[in-house]
Amino acid sequence: MPGWQLQTTTDSTGRATFAVWTGSLPPARFVEFPFVAVNPKSPARIAWPVTQLYADGQRVQWSGPRGSETPASITEVNNGGTWPLWLPTVLAAFALLVAVISVAFSLRGRMAKAEA
C-alpha cells in the first residue's frame, strides 16, 4: 500500500507467519491490505487476528469470536464439494447442444431457400 510499511516474520522454512503494516489512515477511511497465500491441502478454518492502534494510543484487538464487537476475520477453506468438478462439463455440453441446434436451423433455412 502506498505510504505504508510492511514488516513480515518468517518461520524456519521461510514461510511468512506474521505481518505488520504501519502507516496512517484519515478518520472514516478504509484500506485493504492485499497479499497472496496458498490454501491448505485439507479443509481449515483460518482466523486472522488484527491489532489496530489509533493515534491517541488506543488499541483494539480484532480477535474475538463471530458476533462479538471485535470479531476476527475468518476464512473457511473446504474441498468445495463435487459441483465445481462437473459444472464446466455441463455448461460445455449445453453450449454444444445450442450450437448444434443453431447449425441445424441455419441449414434448414438454407435448404428451404434453395428449394424455392
PDB file of N, CA and C in Angstrom:
ATOM      1  N   MET A   1       0.842  -1.173   0.000  1.00  0.00           N
ATOM      2  CA  MET A   1       0.000   0.000   0.000  1.00  0.00           C
ATOM      3  C   MET A   1       0.890   1.239   0.000  1.00  0.00           C
ATOM      4  N   PRO A   2       0.630   2.169  -0.903  1.00  0.00           N
ATOM      5  CA  PRO A   2       1.422   3.398  -0.934  1.00  0.00           C
ATOM      6  C   PRO A   2       1.355   4.133   0.408  1.00  0.00           C
ATOM      7  N   GLY A   3       2.501   4.522   0.919  1.00  0.00           N
ATOM      8  CA  GLY A   3       2.560   5.243   2.185  1.00  0.00           C
ATOM      9  C   GLY A   3       2.585   4.354   3.412  1.00  0.00           C
ATOM     10  N   TRP A   4       2.524   3.057   3.231  1.00  0.00           N
ATOM     11  CA  TRP A   4       2.536   2.119   4.347  1.00  0.00           C
ATOM     12  C   TRP A   4       3.792   1.267   4.270  1.00  0.00           C
ATOM     13  N   GLN A   5       4.272   0.824   5.426  1.00  0.00           N
ATOM     14  CA  GLN A   5       5.442  -0.055   5.504  1.00  0.00           C
ATOM     15  C   GLN A   5       4.974  -1.449   5.920  1.00  0.00           C
ATOM     16  N   LEU A   6       5.551  -2.484   5.319  1.00  0.00           N
ATOM     17  CA  LEU A   6       5.212  -3.866   5.658  1.00  0.00           C
ATOM     18  C   LEU A   6       6.431  -4.544   6.256  1.00  0.00           C
ATOM     19  N   GLN A   7       6.223  -5.169   7.402  1.00  0.00           N
ATOM     20  CA  GLN A   7       7.277  -5.949   8.044  1.00  0.00           C
ATOM     21  C   GLN A   7       6.725  -7.353   8.269  1.00  0.00           C
ATOM     22  N   THR A   8       7.455  -8.373   7.833  1.00  0.00           N
ATOM     23  CA  THR A   8       6.987  -9.753   7.997  1.00  0.00           C
ATOM     24  C   THR A   8       7.945 -10.537   8.885  1.00  0.00           C
ATOM     25  N   THR A   9       7.394 -11.557   9.513  1.00  0.00           N
ATOM     26  CA  THR A   9       8.172 -12.511  10.295  1.00  0.00           C
ATOM     27  C   THR A   9       8.006 -13.859   9.625  1.00  0.00           C
ATOM     28  N   THR A  10       9.092 -14.600   9.478  1.00  0.00           N
ATOM     29  CA  THR A  10       9.034 -15.906   8.821  1.00  0.00           C
ATOM     30  C   THR A  10       9.475 -16.996   9.787  1.00  0.00           C
ATOM     31  N   ASP A  11       9.050 -18.229   9.488  1.00  0.00           N
ATOM     32  CA  ASP A  11       9.471 -19.368  10.288  1.00  0.00           C
ATOM     33  C   ASP A  11      10.757 -19.953   9.701  1.00  0.00           C
ATOM     34  N   SER A  12      11.193 -21.091  10.232  1.00  0.00           N
ATOM     35  CA  SER A  12      12.468 -21.693   9.798  1.00  0.00           C
ATOM     36  C   SER A  12      12.435 -22.162   8.343  1.00  0.00           C
ATOM     37  N   THR A  13      11.235 -22.337   7.768  1.00  0.00           N
ATOM     38  CA  THR A  13      11.139 -22.759   6.359  1.00  0.00           C
ATOM     39  C   THR A  13      11.044 -21.560   5.414  1.00  0.00           C
ATOM     40  N   GLY A  14      11.026 -20.347   5.976  1.00  0.00           N
ATOM     41  CA  GLY A  14      10.924 -19.149   5.143  1.00  0.00           C
ATOM     42  C   GLY A  14       9.502 -18.708   4.871  1.00  0.00           C
ATOM     43  N   ARG A  15       8.534 -19.390   5.458  1.00  0.00           N
ATOM     44  CA  ARG A  15       7.128 -19.020   5.267  1.00  0.00           C
ATOM     45  C   ARG A  15       6.749 -17.870   6.193  1.00  0.00           C
ATOM     46  N   ALA A  16       6.009 -16.914   5.667  1.00  0.00           N
ATOM     47  CA  ALA A  16       5.553 -15.784   6.475  1.00  0.00           C
ATOM     48  C   ALA A  16       4.570 -16.267   7.522  1.00  0.00           C
ATOM     49  N   THR A  17       4.785 -15.857   8.764  1.00  0.00           N
ATOM     50  CA  THR A  17       3.888 -16.241   9.853  1.00  0.00           C
ATOM     51  C   THR A  17       3.239 -15.031  10.506  1.00  0.00           C
ATOM     52  N   PHE A  18       3.739 -13.843  10.192  1.00  0.00           N
ATOM     53  CA  PHE A  18       3.259 -12.636  10.850  1.00  0.00           C
ATOM     54  C   PHE A  18       3.522 -11.460   9.931  1.00  0.00           C
ATOM     55  N   ALA A  19       2.590 -10.520   9.861  1.00  0.00           N
ATOM     56  CA  ALA A  19       2.775  -9.332   9.041  1.00  0.00           C
ATOM     57  C   ALA A  19       2.294  -8.109   9.804  1.00  0.00           C
ATOM     58  N   VAL A  20       3.067  -7.031   9.716  1.00  0.00           N
ATOM     59  CA  VAL A  20       2.689  -5.772  10.346  1.00  0.00           C
ATOM     60  C   VAL A  20       2.751  -4.682   9.286  1.00  0.00           C
ATOM     61  N   TRP A  21       1.596  -4.055   9.038  1.00  0.00           N
ATOM     62  CA  TRP A  21       1.538  -2.894   8.154  1.00  0.00           C
ATOM     63  C   TRP A  21       1.512  -1.666   9.053  1.00  0.00           C
ATOM     64  N   THR A  22       2.391  -0.711   8.778  1.00  0.00           N
ATOM     65  CA  THR A  22       2.459   0.507   9.565  1.00  0.00           C
ATOM     66  C   THR A  22       2.231   1.699   8.644  1.00  0.00           C
ATOM     67  N   GLY A  23       1.314   2.568   9.050  1.00  0.00           N
ATOM     68  CA  GLY A  23       1.003   3.757   8.263  1.00  0.00           C
ATOM     69  C   GLY A  23      -0.092   4.520   8.970  1.00  0.00           C
ATOM     70  N   SER A  24      -0.600   5.544   8.328  1.00  0.00           N
ATOM     71  CA  SER A  24      -1.694   6.299   8.940  1.00  0.00           C
ATOM     72  C   SER A  24      -2.852   6.374   7.964  1.00  0.00           C
ATOM     73  N   LEU A  25      -4.020   6.472   8.535  1.00  0.00           N
ATOM     74  CA  LEU A  25      -5.251   6.477   7.758  1.00  0.00           C
ATOM     75  C   LEU A  25      -6.152   7.578   8.315  1.00  0.00           C
ATOM     76  N   PRO A  26      -6.612   8.491   7.472  1.00  0.00           N
ATOM     77  CA  PRO A  26      -7.515   9.547   7.962  1.00  0.00           C
ATOM     78  C   PRO A  26      -8.794   8.934   8.530  1.00  0.00           C
ATOM     79  N   PRO A  27      -9.471   9.658   9.434  1.00  0.00           N
ATOM     80  CA  PRO A  27     -10.728   9.159  10.008  1.00  0.00           C
ATOM     81  C   PRO A  27     -11.752   8.833   8.923  1.00  0.00           C
ATOM     82  N   ALA A  28     -12.558   7.822   9.192  1.00  0.00           N
ATOM     83  CA  ALA A  28     -13.650   7.391   8.316  1.00  0.00           C
ATOM     84  C   ALA A  28     -13.163   6.895   6.961  1.00  0.00           C
ATOM     85  N   ARG A  29     -11.939   6.438   6.873  1.00  0.00           N
ATOM     86  CA  ARG A  29     -11.398   5.883   5.633  1.00  0.00           C
ATOM     87  C   ARG A  29     -11.216   4.381   5.802  1.00  0.00           C
ATOM     88  N   PHE A  30     -11.127   3.688   4.686  1.00  0.00           N
ATOM     89  CA  PHE A  30     -10.994   2.233   4.665  1.00  0.00           C
ATOM     90  C   PHE A  30      -9.845   1.884   3.734  1.00  0.00           C
ATOM     91  N   VAL A  31      -9.074   0.886   4.098  1.00  0.00           N
ATOM     92  CA  VAL A  31      -7.988   0.446   3.227  1.00  0.00           C
ATOM     93  C   VAL A  31      -7.911  -1.080   3.288  1.00  0.00           C
ATOM     94  N   GLU A  32      -7.582  -1.689   2.158  1.00  0.00           N
ATOM     95  CA  GLU A  32      -7.391  -3.139   2.103  1.00  0.00           C
ATOM     96  C   GLU A  32      -5.906  -3.421   1.992  1.00  0.00           C
ATOM     97  N   PHE A  33      -5.472  -4.500   2.619  1.00  0.00           N
ATOM     98  CA  PHE A  33      -4.081  -4.908   2.589  1.00  0.00           C
ATOM     99  C   PHE A  33      -3.983  -6.238   1.849  1.00  0.00           C
ATOM    100  N   PRO A  34      -3.727  -6.190   0.553  1.00  0.00           N
ATOM    101  CA  PRO A  34      -3.700  -7.431  -0.239  1.00  0.00           C
ATOM    102  C   PRO A  34      -2.442  -8.256   0.022  1.00  0.00           C
ATOM    103  N   PHE A  35      -2.606  -9.560  -0.101  1.00  0.00           N
ATOM    104  CA  PHE A  35      -1.479 -10.482  -0.031  1.00  0.00           C
ATOM    105  C   PHE A  35      -1.870 -11.753  -0.748  1.00  0.00           C
ATOM    106  N   VAL A  36      -0.907 -12.588  -1.033  1.00  0.00           N
ATOM    107  CA  VAL A  36      -1.148 -13.852  -1.712  1.00  0.00           C
ATOM    108  C   VAL A  36      -0.744 -14.979  -0.758  1.00  0.00           C
ATOM    109  N   ALA A  37      -1.601 -15.984  -0.665  1.00  0.00           N
ATOM    110  CA  ALA A  37      -1.323 -17.131   0.200  1.00  0.00           C
ATOM    111  C   ALA A  37      -1.736 -18.403  -0.524  1.00  0.00           C
ATOM    112  N   VAL A  38      -1.243 -19.519  -0.050  1.00  0.00           N
ATOM    113  CA  VAL A  38      -1.594 -20.819  -0.607  1.00  0.00           C
ATOM    114  C   VAL A  38      -2.586 -21.484   0.344  1.00  0.00           C
ATOM    115  N   ASN A  39      -3.689 -21.990  -0.215  1.00  0.00           N
ATOM    116  CA  ASN A  39      -4.674 -22.679   0.611  1.00  0.00           C
ATOM    117  C   ASN A  39      -4.079 -23.955   1.196  1.00  0.00           C
ATOM    118  N   PRO A  40      -4.529 -24.314   2.391  1.00  0.00           N
ATOM    119  CA  PRO A  40      -4.084 -25.595   2.955  1.00  0.00           C
ATOM    120  C   PRO A  40      -4.623 -26.757   2.123  1.00  0.00           C
ATOM    121  N   LYS A  41      -3.983 -27.901   2.227  1.00  0.00           N
ATOM    122  CA  LYS A  41      -4.393 -29.075   1.436  1.00  0.00           C
ATOM    123  C   LYS A  41      -5.673 -29.717   1.960  1.00  0.00           C
ATOM    124  N   SER A  42      -6.009 -29.474   3.204  1.00  0.00           N
ATOM    125  CA  SER A  42      -7.227 -30.043   3.770  1.00  0.00           C
ATOM    126  C   SER A  42      -8.107 -28.900   4.284  1.00  0.00           C
ATOM    127  N   PRO A  43      -9.402 -29.160   4.473  1.00  0.00           N
ATOM    128  CA  PRO A  43     -10.298 -28.114   4.964  1.00  0.00           C
ATOM    129  C   PRO A  43      -9.765 -27.493   6.256  1.00  0.00           C
ATOM    130  N   ALA A  44      -9.955 -26.186   6.394  1.00  0.00           N
ATOM    131  CA  ALA A  44      -9.452 -25.485   7.577  1.00  0.00           C
ATOM    132  C   ALA A  44     -10.291 -24.247   7.831  1.00  0.00           C
ATOM    133  N   ARG A  45     -10.251 -23.781   9.051  1.00  0.00           N
ATOM    134  CA  ARG A  45     -10.875 -22.524   9.455  1.00  0.00           C
ATOM    135  C   ARG A  45      -9.730 -21.639   9.924  1.00  0.00           C
ATOM    136  N   ILE A  46      -9.465 -20.566   9.181  1.00  0.00           N
ATOM    137  CA  ILE A  46      -8.316 -19.718   9.465  1.00  0.00           C
ATOM    138  C   ILE A  46      -8.806 -18.393  10.039  1.00  0.00           C
ATOM    139  N   ALA A  47      -8.299 -18.056  11.227  1.00  0.00           N
ATOM    140  CA  ALA A  47      -8.621 -16.779  11.863  1.00  0.00           C
ATOM    141  C   ALA A  47      -7.488 -15.798  11.571  1.00  0.00           C
ATOM    142  N   TRP A  48      -7.863 -14.553  11.314  1.00  0.00           N
ATOM    143  CA  TRP A  48      -6.893 -13.501  11.012  1.00  0.00           C
ATOM    144  C   TRP A  48      -6.991 -12.431  12.107  1.00  0.00           C
ATOM    145  N   PRO A  49      -6.365 -12.662  13.270  1.00  0.00           N
ATOM    146  CA  PRO A  49      -6.441 -11.660  14.333  1.00  0.00           C
ATOM    147  C   PRO A  49      -5.668 -10.400  13.945  1.00  0.00           C
ATOM    148  N   VAL A  50      -6.223  -9.247  14.322  1.00  0.00           N
ATOM    149  CA  VAL A  50      -5.624  -7.958  13.980  1.00  0.00           C
ATOM    150  C   VAL A  50      -5.601  -7.080  15.221  1.00  0.00           C
ATOM    151  N   THR A  51      -4.511  -6.339  15.378  1.00  0.00           N
ATOM    152  CA  THR A  51      -4.435  -5.307  16.406  1.00  0.00           C
ATOM    153  C   THR A  51      -4.426  -3.970  15.696  1.00  0.00           C
ATOM    154  N   GLN A  52      -5.376  -3.135  16.023  1.00  0.00           N
ATOM    155  CA  GLN A  52      -5.477  -1.806  15.416  1.00  0.00           C
ATOM    156  C   GLN A  52      -5.055  -0.786  16.468  1.00  0.00           C
ATOM    157  N   LEU A  53      -4.060   0.032  16.128  1.00  0.00           N
ATOM    158  CA  LEU A  53      -3.542   1.048  17.043  1.00  0.00           C
ATOM    159  C   LEU A  53      -3.914   2.425  16.511  1.00  0.00           C
ATOM    160  N   TYR A  54      -4.577   3.228  17.345  1.00  0.00           N
ATOM    161  CA  TYR A  54      -5.003   4.568  16.961  1.00  0.00           C
ATOM    162  C   TYR A  54      -3.959   5.598  17.367  1.00  0.00           C
ATOM    163  N   ALA A  55      -4.005   6.771  16.747  1.00  0.00           N
ATOM    164  CA  ALA A  55      -3.039   7.839  17.014  1.00  0.00           C
ATOM    165  C   ALA A  55      -3.037   8.247  18.492  1.00  0.00           C
ATOM    166  N   ASP A  56      -4.184   8.134  19.180  1.00  0.00           N
ATOM    167  CA  ASP A  56      -4.258   8.513  20.599  1.00  0.00           C
ATOM    168  C   ASP A  56      -3.770   7.401  21.529  1.00  0.00           C
ATOM    169  N   GLY A  57      -3.263   6.306  20.941  1.00  0.00           N
ATOM    170  CA  GLY A  57      -2.734   5.208  21.752  1.00  0.00           C
ATOM    171  C   GLY A  57      -3.725   4.087  22.018  1.00  0.00           C
ATOM    172  N   GLN A  58      -4.985   4.272  21.671  1.00  0.00           N
ATOM    173  CA  GLN A  58      -5.990   3.225  21.882  1.00  0.00           C
ATOM    174  C   GLN A  58      -5.663   2.020  21.004  1.00  0.00           C
ATOM    175  N   ARG A  59      -5.781   0.813  21.581  1.00  0.00           N
ATOM    176  CA  ARG A  59      -5.554  -0.423  20.848  1.00  0.00           C
ATOM    177  C   ARG A  59      -6.852  -1.219  20.817  1.00  0.00           C
ATOM    178  N   VAL A  60      -7.197  -1.752  19.637  1.00  0.00           N
ATOM    179  CA  VAL A  60      -8.369  -2.611  19.507  1.00  0.00           C
ATOM    180  C   VAL A  60      -7.889  -3.950  18.972  1.00  0.00           C
ATOM    181  N   GLN A  61      -8.206  -5.003  19.689  1.00  0.00           N
ATOM    182  CA  GLN A  61      -7.851  -6.358  19.280  1.00  0.00           C
ATOM    183  C   GLN A  61      -9.031  -6.953  18.523  1.00  0.00           C
ATOM    184  N   TRP A  62      -8.892  -7.126  17.209  1.00  0.00           N
ATOM    185  CA  TRP A  62      -9.919  -7.754  16.382  1.00  0.00           C
ATOM    186  C   TRP A  62      -9.616  -9.249  16.367  1.00  0.00           C
ATOM    187  N   SER A  63      -9.952  -9.908  17.472  1.00  0.00           N
ATOM    188  CA  SER A  63      -9.619 -11.326  17.613  1.00  0.00           C
ATOM    189  C   SER A  63     -10.735 -12.120  18.277  1.00  0.00           C
ATOM    190  N   GLY A  64     -11.871 -11.480  18.476  1.00  0.00           N
ATOM    191  CA  GLY A  64     -12.978 -12.144  19.158  1.00  0.00           C
ATOM    192  C   GLY A  64     -13.738 -13.102  18.258  1.00  0.00           C
ATOM    193  N   PRO A  65     -14.679 -13.837  18.845  1.00  0.00           N
ATOM    194  CA  PRO A  65     -15.495 -14.771  18.066  1.00  0.00           C
ATOM    195  C   PRO A  65     -16.500 -14.037  17.189  1.00  0.00           C
ATOM    196  N   ARG A  66     -17.020 -14.728  16.196  1.00  0.00           N
ATOM    197  CA  ARG A  66     -18.050 -14.179  15.317  1.00  0.00           C
ATOM    198  C   ARG A  66     -19.219 -13.690  16.175  1.00  0.00           C
ATOM    199  N   GLY A  67     -19.750 -12.529  15.850  1.00  0.00           N
ATOM    200  CA  GLY A  67     -20.870 -11.973  16.598  1.00  0.00           C
ATOM    201  C   GLY A  67     -20.441 -11.058  17.728  1.00  0.00           C
ATOM    202  N   SER A  68     -19.157 -11.033  18.080  1.00  0.00           N
ATOM    203  CA  SER A  68     -18.694 -10.150  19.144  1.00  0.00           C
ATOM    204  C   SER A  68     -18.499  -8.740  18.577  1.00  0.00           C
ATOM    205  N   GLU A  69     -18.172  -7.789  19.440  1.00  0.00           N
ATOM    206  CA  GLU A  69     -17.945  -6.420  18.975  1.00  0.00           C
ATOM    207  C   GLU A  69     -16.638  -6.272  18.214  1.00  0.00           C
ATOM    208  N   THR A  70     -15.701  -7.169  18.444  1.00  0.00           N
ATOM    209  CA  THR A  70     -14.400  -7.098  17.763  1.00  0.00           C
ATOM    210  C   THR A  70     -14.026  -8.478  17.210  1.00  0.00           C
ATOM    211  N   PRO A  71     -14.810  -8.980  16.239  1.00  0.00           N
ATOM    212  CA  PRO A  71     -14.541 -10.321  15.716  1.00  0.00           C
ATOM    213  C   PRO A  71     -13.292 -10.366  14.833  1.00  0.00           C
ATOM    214  N   ALA A  72     -12.609 -11.483  14.882  1.00  0.00           N
ATOM    215  CA  ALA A  72     -11.505 -11.724  13.947  1.00  0.00           C
ATOM    216  C   ALA A  72     -12.097 -12.065  12.592  1.00  0.00           C
ATOM    217  N   SER A  73     -11.395 -11.710  11.551  1.00  0.00           N
ATOM    218  CA  SER A  73     -11.820 -12.119  10.211  1.00  0.00           C
ATOM    219  C   SER A  73     -11.552 -13.615  10.088  1.00  0.00           C
ATOM    220  N   ILE A  74     -12.522 -14.352   9.546  1.00  0.00           N
ATOM    221  CA  ILE A  74     -12.409 -15.813   9.429  1.00  0.00           C
ATOM    222  C   ILE A  74     -12.509 -16.205   7.960  1.00  0.00           C
ATOM    223  N   THR A  75     -11.632 -17.105   7.543  1.00  0.00           N
ATOM    224  CA  THR A  75     -11.692 -17.680   6.205  1.00  0.00           C
ATOM    225  C   THR A  75     -11.935 -19.166   6.349  1.00  0.00           C
ATOM    226  N   GLU A  76     -12.995 -19.653   5.708  1.00  0.00           N
ATOM    227  CA  GLU A  76     -13.309 -21.082   5.705  1.00  0.00           C
ATOM    228  C   GLU A  76     -12.770 -21.681   4.410  1.00  0.00           C
ATOM    229  N   VAL A  77     -11.898 -22.661   4.512  1.00  0.00           N
ATOM    230  CA  VAL A  77     -11.354 -23.339   3.335  1.00  0.00           C
ATOM    231  C   VAL A  77     -11.875 -24.769   3.377  1.00  0.00           C
ATOM    232  N   ASN A  78     -12.562 -25.175   2.284  1.00  0.00           N
ATOM    233  CA  ASN A  78     -13.040 -26.554   2.239  1.00  0.00           C
ATOM    234  C   ASN A  78     -12.765 -27.132   0.860  1.00  0.00           C
ATOM    235  N   ASN A  79     -13.174 -28.367   0.667  1.00  0.00           N
ATOM    236  CA  ASN A  79     -12.878 -29.028  -0.613  1.00  0.00           C
ATOM    237  C   ASN A  79     -13.836 -28.609  -1.714  1.00  0.00           C
ATOM    238  N   GLY A  80     -14.824 -27.788  -1.413  1.00  0.00           N
ATOM    239  CA  GLY A  80     -15.710 -27.256  -2.438  1.00  0.00           C
ATOM    240  C   GLY A  80     -16.784 -28.212  -2.914  1.00  0.00           C
ATOM    241  N   GLY A  81     -16.878 -29.393  -2.361  1.00  0.00           N
ATOM    242  CA  GLY A  81     -17.891 -30.343  -2.812  1.00  0.00           C
ATOM    243  C   GLY A  81     -17.587 -30.851  -4.214  1.00  0.00           C
ATOM    244  N   THR A  82     -18.575 -31.478  -4.843  1.00  0.00           N
ATOM    245  CA  THR A  82     -18.338 -32.045  -6.171  1.00  0.00           C
ATOM    246  C   THR A  82     -18.895 -31.197  -7.297  1.00  0.00           C
ATOM    247  N   TRP A  83     -19.784 -30.233  -6.994  1.00  0.00           N
ATOM    248  CA  TRP A  83     -20.389 -29.490  -8.101  1.00  0.00           C
ATOM    249  C   TRP A  83     -19.389 -28.714  -8.931  1.00  0.00           C
ATOM    250  N   PRO A  84     -18.320 -28.126  -8.370  1.00  0.00           N
ATOM    251  CA  PRO A  84     -17.409 -27.400  -9.253  1.00  0.00           C
ATOM    252  C   PRO A  84     -16.736 -28.306 -10.276  1.00  0.00           C
ATOM    253  N   LEU A  85     -16.630 -29.599  -9.982  1.00  0.00           N
ATOM    254  CA  LEU A  85     -15.967 -30.511 -10.911  1.00  0.00           C
ATOM    255  C   LEU A  85     -16.831 -30.804 -12.131  1.00  0.00           C
ATOM    256  N   TRP A  86     -18.135 -30.932 -11.947  1.00  0.00           N
ATOM    257  CA  TRP A  86     -18.983 -31.278 -13.085  1.00  0.00           C
ATOM    258  C   TRP A  86     -19.632 -30.075 -13.734  1.00  0.00           C
ATOM    259  N   LEU A  87     -19.653 -28.919 -13.080  1.00  0.00           N
ATOM    260  CA  LEU A  87     -20.308 -27.746 -13.651  1.00  0.00           C
ATOM    261  C   LEU A  87     -19.721 -27.332 -15.005  1.00  0.00           C
ATOM    262  N   PRO A  88     -18.403 -27.240 -15.180  1.00  0.00           N
ATOM    263  CA  PRO A  88     -17.880 -26.869 -16.506  1.00  0.00           C
ATOM    264  C   PRO A  88     -18.278 -27.857 -17.593  1.00  0.00           C
ATOM    265  N   THR A  89     -18.349 -29.130 -17.269  1.00  0.00           N
ATOM    266  CA  THR A  89     -18.741 -30.135 -18.253  1.00  0.00           C
ATOM    267  C   THR A  89     -20.188 -29.940 -18.681  1.00  0.00           C
ATOM    268  N   VAL A  90     -21.065 -29.683 -17.719  1.00  0.00           N
ATOM    269  CA  VAL A  90     -22.478 -29.459 -18.026  1.00  0.00           C
ATOM    270  C   VAL A  90     -22.640 -28.200 -18.877  1.00  0.00           C
ATOM    271  N   LEU A  91     -21.940 -27.126 -18.511  1.00  0.00           N
ATOM    272  CA  LEU A  91     -22.037 -25.892 -19.286  1.00  0.00           C
ATOM    273  C   LEU A  91     -21.500 -26.082 -20.700  1.00  0.00           C
ATOM    274  N   ALA A  92     -20.406 -26.815 -20.857  1.00  0.00           N
ATOM    275  CA  ALA A  92     -19.854 -27.068 -22.187  1.00  0.00           C
ATOM    276  C   ALA A  92     -20.822 -27.905 -23.019  1.00  0.00           C
ATOM    277  N   ALA A  93     -21.433 -28.929 -22.407  1.00  0.00           N
ATOM    278  CA  ALA A  93     -22.397 -29.760 -23.130  1.00  0.00           C
ATOM    279  C   ALA A  93     -23.604 -28.935 -23.566  1.00  0.00           C
ATOM    280  N   PHE A  94     -24.072 -28.055 -22.705  1.00  0.00           N
ATOM    281  CA  PHE A  94     -25.199 -27.195 -23.053  1.00  0.00           C
ATOM    282  C   PHE A  94     -24.830 -26.265 -24.215  1.00  0.00           C
ATOM    283  N   ALA A  95     -23.634 -25.685 -24.164  1.00  0.00           N
ATOM    284  CA  ALA A  95     -23.185 -24.797 -25.245  1.00  0.00           C
ATOM    285  C   ALA A  95     -23.088 -25.564 -26.557  1.00  0.00           C
ATOM    286  N   LEU A  96     -22.594 -26.797 -26.506  1.00  0.00           N
ATOM    287  CA  LEU A  96     -22.503 -27.625 -27.712  1.00  0.00           C
ATOM    288  C   LEU A  96     -23.888 -27.917 -28.260  1.00  0.00           C
ATOM    289  N   LEU A  97     -24.834 -28.237 -27.394  1.00  0.00           N
ATOM    290  CA  LEU A  97     -26.202 -28.513 -27.821  1.00  0.00           C
ATOM    291  C   LEU A  97     -26.815 -27.280 -28.506  1.00  0.00           C
ATOM    292  N   VAL A  98     -26.624 -26.100 -27.919  1.00  0.00           N
ATOM    293  CA  VAL A  98     -27.138 -24.871 -28.526  1.00  0.00           C
ATOM    294  C   VAL A  98     -26.502 -24.653 -29.895  1.00  0.00           C
ATOM    295  N   ALA A  99     -25.198 -24.901 -30.020  1.00  0.00           N
ATOM    296  CA  ALA A  99     -24.504 -24.729 -31.300  1.00  0.00           C
ATOM    297  C   ALA A  99     -25.045 -25.692 -32.350  1.00  0.00           C
ATOM    298  N   VAL A 100     -25.252 -26.948 -31.989  1.00  0.00           N
ATOM    299  CA  VAL A 100     -25.771 -27.939 -32.932  1.00  0.00           C
ATOM    300  C   VAL A 100     -27.171 -27.555 -33.391  1.00  0.00           C
ATOM    301  N   ILE A 101     -28.015 -27.123 -32.477  1.00  0.00           N
ATOM    302  CA  ILE A 101     -29.376 -26.703 -32.838  1.00  0.00           C
ATOM    303  C   ILE A 101     -29.326 -25.490 -33.764  1.00  0.00           C
ATOM    304  N   SER A 102     -28.434 -24.547 -33.472  1.00  0.00           N
ATOM    305  CA  SER A 102     -28.288 -23.359 -34.322  1.00  0.00           C
ATOM    306  C   SER A 102     -27.856 -23.731 -35.730  1.00  0.00           C
ATOM    307  N   VAL A 103     -26.901 -24.634 -35.848  1.00  0.00           N
ATOM    308  CA  VAL A 103     -26.436 -25.080 -37.166  1.00  0.00           C
ATOM    309  C   VAL A 103     -27.573 -25.778 -37.907  1.00  0.00           C
ATOM    310  N   ALA A 104     -28.333 -26.617 -37.203  1.00  0.00           N
ATOM    311  CA  ALA A 104     -29.442 -27.336 -37.837  1.00  0.00           C
ATOM    312  C   ALA A 104     -30.477 -26.355 -38.384  1.00  0.00           C
ATOM    313  N   PHE A 105     -30.859 -25.349 -37.606  1.00  0.00           N
ATOM    314  CA  PHE A 105     -31.820 -24.357 -38.083  1.00  0.00           C
ATOM    315  C   PHE A 105     -31.262 -23.558 -39.251  1.00  0.00           C
ATOM    316  N   SER A 106     -29.980 -23.241 -39.192  1.00  0.00           N
ATOM    317  CA  SER A 106     -29.353 -22.487 -40.277  1.00  0.00           C
ATOM    318  C   SER A 106     -29.371 -23.296 -41.574  1.00  0.00           C
ATOM    319  N   LEU A 107     -29.003 -24.579 -41.494  1.00  0.00           N
ATOM    320  CA  LEU A 107     -29.008 -25.433 -42.685  1.00  0.00           C
ATOM    321  C   LEU A 107     -30.427 -25.645 -43.209  1.00  0.00           C
ATOM    322  N   ARG A 108     -31.364 -25.797 -42.307  1.00  0.00           N
ATOM    323  CA  ARG A 108     -32.758 -25.993 -42.711  1.00  0.00           C
ATOM    324  C   ARG A 108     -33.260 -24.765 -43.479  1.00  0.00           C
ATOM    325  N   GLY A 109     -32.903 -23.571 -42.997  1.00  0.00           N
ATOM    326  CA  GLY A 109     -33.309 -22.351 -43.672  1.00  0.00           C
ATOM    327  C   GLY A 109     -32.677 -22.225 -45.047  1.00  0.00           C
ATOM    328  N   ARG A 110     -31.423 -22.593 -45.184  1.00  0.00           N
ATOM    329  CA  ARG A 110     -30.743 -22.517 -46.468  1.00  0.00           C
ATOM    330  C   ARG A 110     -31.336 -23.528 -47.474  1.00  0.00           C
ATOM    331  N   MET A 111     -31.650 -24.735 -46.957  1.00  0.00           N
ATOM    332  CA  MET A 111     -32.228 -25.755 -47.820  1.00  0.00           C
ATOM    333  C   MET A 111     -33.613 -25.336 -48.325  1.00  0.00           C
ATOM    334  N   ALA A 112     -34.383 -24.666 -47.459  1.00  0.00           N
ATOM    335  CA  ALA A 112     -35.723 -24.207 -47.844  1.00  0.00           C
ATOM    336  C   ALA A 112     -35.610 -23.128 -48.921  1.00  0.00           C
ATOM    337  N   LYS A 113     -34.615 -22.235 -48.788  1.00  0.00           N
ATOM    338  CA  LYS A 113     -34.423 -21.186 -49.804  1.00  0.00           C
ATOM    339  C   LYS A 113     -33.961 -21.787 -51.119  1.00  0.00           C
ATOM    340  N   ALA A 114     -33.120 -22.821 -51.072  1.00  0.00           N
ATOM    341  CA  ALA A 114     -32.608 -23.445 -52.288  1.00  0.00           C
ATOM    342  C   ALA A 114     -33.713 -24.159 -53.064  1.00  0.00           C
ATOM    343  N   GLU A 115     -34.684 -24.735 -52.328  1.00  0.00           N
ATOM    344  CA  GLU A 115     -35.782 -25.454 -52.972  1.00  0.00           C
ATOM    345  C   GLU A 115     -36.778 -24.483 -53.591  1.00  0.00           C
ATOM    346  N   ALA A 116     -36.827 -23.262 -53.048  1.00  0.00           N
ATOM    347  CA  ALA A 116     -37.818 -22.305 -53.564  1.00  0.00           C
ATOM    348  C   ALA A 116     -37.413 -21.666 -54.833  1.00  0.00           C
TER     349      ALA A 116
END
